[in-house]
C-alpha cells in the first residue's frame, strides 16, 4: 500500500476518490498526493471540479559496470523505477471503474468525466464536469538517479 497524502484536497470529486482507491493498493506506487487545482469553478449552468494526482513509483538499486574516464572499470549503483506512467495507465485501463485515460503524454494522464445533476426540489439542474490529471513525481531520494 502506498503513502497517500490528501491534505491539499478538499474531498470533492467522486471520480477522484475512485482513482485514489484504485491507485493506492498498487504495490509499485510508493507515494500518492492529491491536490485541488486552480481551474475549479462554479457557474449557473455547470460546476467544474479539477484535481491533480502526483505519483512516485518504487525504485530498486541495480549495480552496473562502467568505465571511469574511459578506461578505469568501476561499478555504480543506479536506481531503476519499478513502474512507469504508461504501466499505470494500463493498470487503470484494466480497472472496470476507471477505464482508459482521455488524454496522455510522456508526463501526464488526464481523465474528464461529466454528469447531469438535478438536485431535489429544483426544476433546473447543472452539469458537473470533473477533470483529473495524474503526474509522475521524480525520485526525491536520488535526483540524478546515480549513487556511488
Protein backbone atom coordinates (compact mmCIF):
# COMPACT_ATOMS: atom_id res chain seq x y z
CA UNK A 1 0.00 0.00 0.00
CA UNK A 2 1.34 3.40 -0.96
CA UNK A 3 1.64 6.51 1.19
CA UNK A 4 -1.39 8.73 0.39
CA UNK A 5 -1.38 12.48 1.14
CA UNK A 6 -4.77 14.22 0.82
CA UNK A 7 -4.06 17.29 2.97
CA UNK A 8 -4.30 19.68 -0.02
CA UNK A 9 -7.52 18.13 -1.35
CA UNK A 10 -11.00 19.38 -0.43
CA UNK A 11 -12.55 15.94 -0.93
CA UNK A 12 -14.67 16.98 -3.91
CA UNK A 13 -14.89 14.66 -6.86
CA UNK A 14 -16.31 11.14 -6.81
CA UNK A 15 -14.10 10.03 -9.72
CA UNK A 16 -11.00 11.37 -7.94
CA UNK A 17 -11.92 9.23 -4.93
CA UNK A 18 -12.31 6.22 -7.23
CA UNK A 19 -8.84 6.85 -8.68
CA UNK A 20 -7.34 7.04 -5.18
CA UNK A 21 -8.98 3.74 -4.24
CA UNK A 22 -7.60 2.06 -7.36
CA UNK A 23 -4.07 3.54 -7.33
CA UNK A 24 -3.26 3.33 -3.58
CA UNK A 25 -3.17 -0.50 -3.33
CA UNK A 26 -0.81 -0.90 -6.32
CA UNK A 27 2.44 -2.29 -4.89
CA UNK A 28 4.82 -0.36 -7.17
CA UNK A 29 3.31 3.05 -6.28
CA UNK A 30 5.32 4.46 -3.38
CA UNK A 31 3.58 7.82 -2.93
CA UNK A 32 0.30 9.42 -3.99
CA UNK A 33 -0.55 13.08 -3.35
CA UNK A 34 -3.93 14.61 -4.21
CA UNK A 35 -4.45 18.36 -4.62
CA UNK A 36 -7.20 20.72 -5.74
CA UNK A 37 -6.28 22.50 -8.97
CA UNK A 38 -6.81 26.20 -9.54
CA UNK A 39 -9.13 25.54 -12.50
CA UNK A 40 -12.06 24.63 -10.23
CA UNK A 41 -15.03 26.96 -10.81
CA UNK A 42 -18.81 27.18 -10.44
CA UNK A 43 -21.25 28.94 -12.76
CA UNK A 44 -25.04 28.93 -13.11
CA UNK A 45 -25.18 26.02 -15.56
CA UNK A 46 -22.15 23.96 -14.61
CA UNK A 47 -19.65 23.07 -11.93
CA UNK A 48 -16.04 22.23 -12.85
CA UNK A 49 -14.01 20.23 -10.36
CA UNK A 50 -10.32 19.97 -11.19
CA UNK A 51 -7.94 17.78 -9.17
CA UNK A 52 -4.34 16.73 -9.62
CA UNK A 53 -2.73 13.46 -8.53
CA UNK A 54 1.04 13.14 -8.14
CA UNK A 55 2.51 9.63 -8.07
CA UNK A 56 6.02 8.40 -7.27
CA UNK A 57 6.98 4.85 -8.12
CA UNK A 58 9.11 2.49 -6.05
CA UNK A 59 12.71 2.12 -7.12
CA UNK A 60 15.36 -0.52 -6.65
CA UNK A 61 19.11 -0.16 -6.70
CA UNK A 62 20.91 -2.00 -9.51
CA UNK A 63 24.70 -2.38 -9.83
CA UNK A 64 26.07 -1.51 -13.28
CA UNK A 65 29.59 -1.88 -14.61
CA UNK A 66 31.03 1.16 -16.36
CA UNK A 67 34.37 2.78 -17.12
CA UNK A 68 35.55 5.93 -15.41
CA UNK A 69 37.45 8.35 -17.65
CA UNK A 70 37.06 5.84 -20.45
CA UNK A 71 39.36 3.12 -19.11
CA UNK A 72 39.12 2.51 -15.32
CA UNK A 73 36.48 -0.15 -14.67
CA UNK A 74 34.12 0.72 -11.85
CA UNK A 75 30.70 -0.18 -10.53
CA UNK A 76 27.93 2.34 -9.95
CA UNK A 77 24.59 1.90 -8.24
CA UNK A 78 21.67 3.08 -10.40
CA UNK A 79 18.09 3.43 -9.15
CA UNK A 80 15.52 1.96 -11.53
CA UNK A 81 11.77 2.57 -11.31
CA UNK A 82 9.56 -0.47 -10.80
CA UNK A 83 6.69 1.10 -12.77
CA UNK A 84 6.16 3.90 -15.30
CA UNK A 85 3.29 6.24 -16.08
CA UNK A 86 2.48 4.04 -19.10
CA UNK A 87 2.28 0.98 -16.82
CA UNK A 88 -0.06 2.89 -14.51
CA UNK A 89 -2.22 3.87 -17.50
CA UNK A 90 -2.51 0.19 -18.47
CA UNK A 91 -3.44 -0.76 -14.88
CA UNK A 92 -6.11 1.95 -14.75
CA UNK A 93 -7.44 0.95 -18.18
CA UNK A 94 -7.85 -2.63 -16.92
CA UNK A 95 -9.82 -1.43 -13.88
CA UNK A 96 -13.55 -1.54 -14.70
CA UNK A 97 -14.44 1.54 -12.63
CA UNK A 98 -11.75 3.76 -14.24
CA UNK A 99 -11.05 2.88 -17.87
CA UNK A 100 -8.77 4.43 -20.46
CA UNK A 101 -7.46 7.99 -19.97
CA UNK A 102 -8.98 10.64 -22.22
CA UNK A 103 -5.54 12.15 -22.87
CA UNK A 104 -1.99 11.10 -22.13
CA UNK A 105 1.56 12.07 -22.99
CA UNK A 106 5.04 11.40 -21.57
CA UNK A 107 4.46 13.29 -18.34
CA UNK A 108 0.71 13.31 -17.68
CA UNK A 109 -2.62 11.46 -17.96
CA UNK A 110 -5.97 13.23 -17.97
CA UNK A 111 -9.48 11.97 -17.24
CA UNK A 112 -12.60 14.02 -17.94
CA UNK A 113 -15.97 12.88 -16.55
CA UNK A 114 -19.31 14.65 -16.92
CA UNK A 115 -22.73 14.04 -15.42
CA UNK A 116 -26.03 15.85 -15.22
CA UNK A 117 -27.11 16.63 -11.64
CA UNK A 118 -30.70 17.51 -10.80
CA UNK A 119 -30.97 18.39 -7.10
CA UNK A 120 -34.26 17.62 -5.31
CA UNK A 121 -36.96 20.31 -5.34
CA UNK A 122 -35.40 22.16 -8.26
CA UNK A 123 -36.61 22.25 -11.81
CA UNK A 124 -33.26 23.06 -13.33
CA UNK A 125 -30.11 21.00 -12.82
CA UNK A 126 -26.50 21.63 -13.67
CA UNK A 127 -23.69 19.85 -15.45
CA UNK A 128 -20.90 18.50 -13.24
CA UNK A 129 -17.55 18.24 -15.02
CA UNK A 130 -14.66 16.55 -13.22
CA UNK A 131 -11.16 16.81 -14.66
CA UNK A 132 -8.36 14.80 -13.06
CA UNK A 133 -4.73 14.99 -14.13
CA UNK A 134 -2.13 12.46 -12.99
CA UNK A 135 1.55 13.46 -12.98
CA UNK A 136 4.67 11.46 -12.19
CA UNK A 137 6.96 12.87 -9.49
CA UNK A 138 10.72 12.39 -9.82
CA UNK A 139 12.59 10.20 -7.36
CA UNK A 140 13.43 12.57 -4.49
CA UNK A 141 15.96 10.24 -2.84
CA UNK A 142 18.43 10.48 -5.72
CA UNK A 143 17.85 13.47 -8.02
CA UNK A 144 20.40 12.36 -10.59
CA UNK A 145 19.41 8.71 -10.30
CA UNK A 146 23.02 7.62 -9.73
CA UNK A 147 24.72 6.96 -6.40
CA UNK A 148 28.28 5.87 -5.75
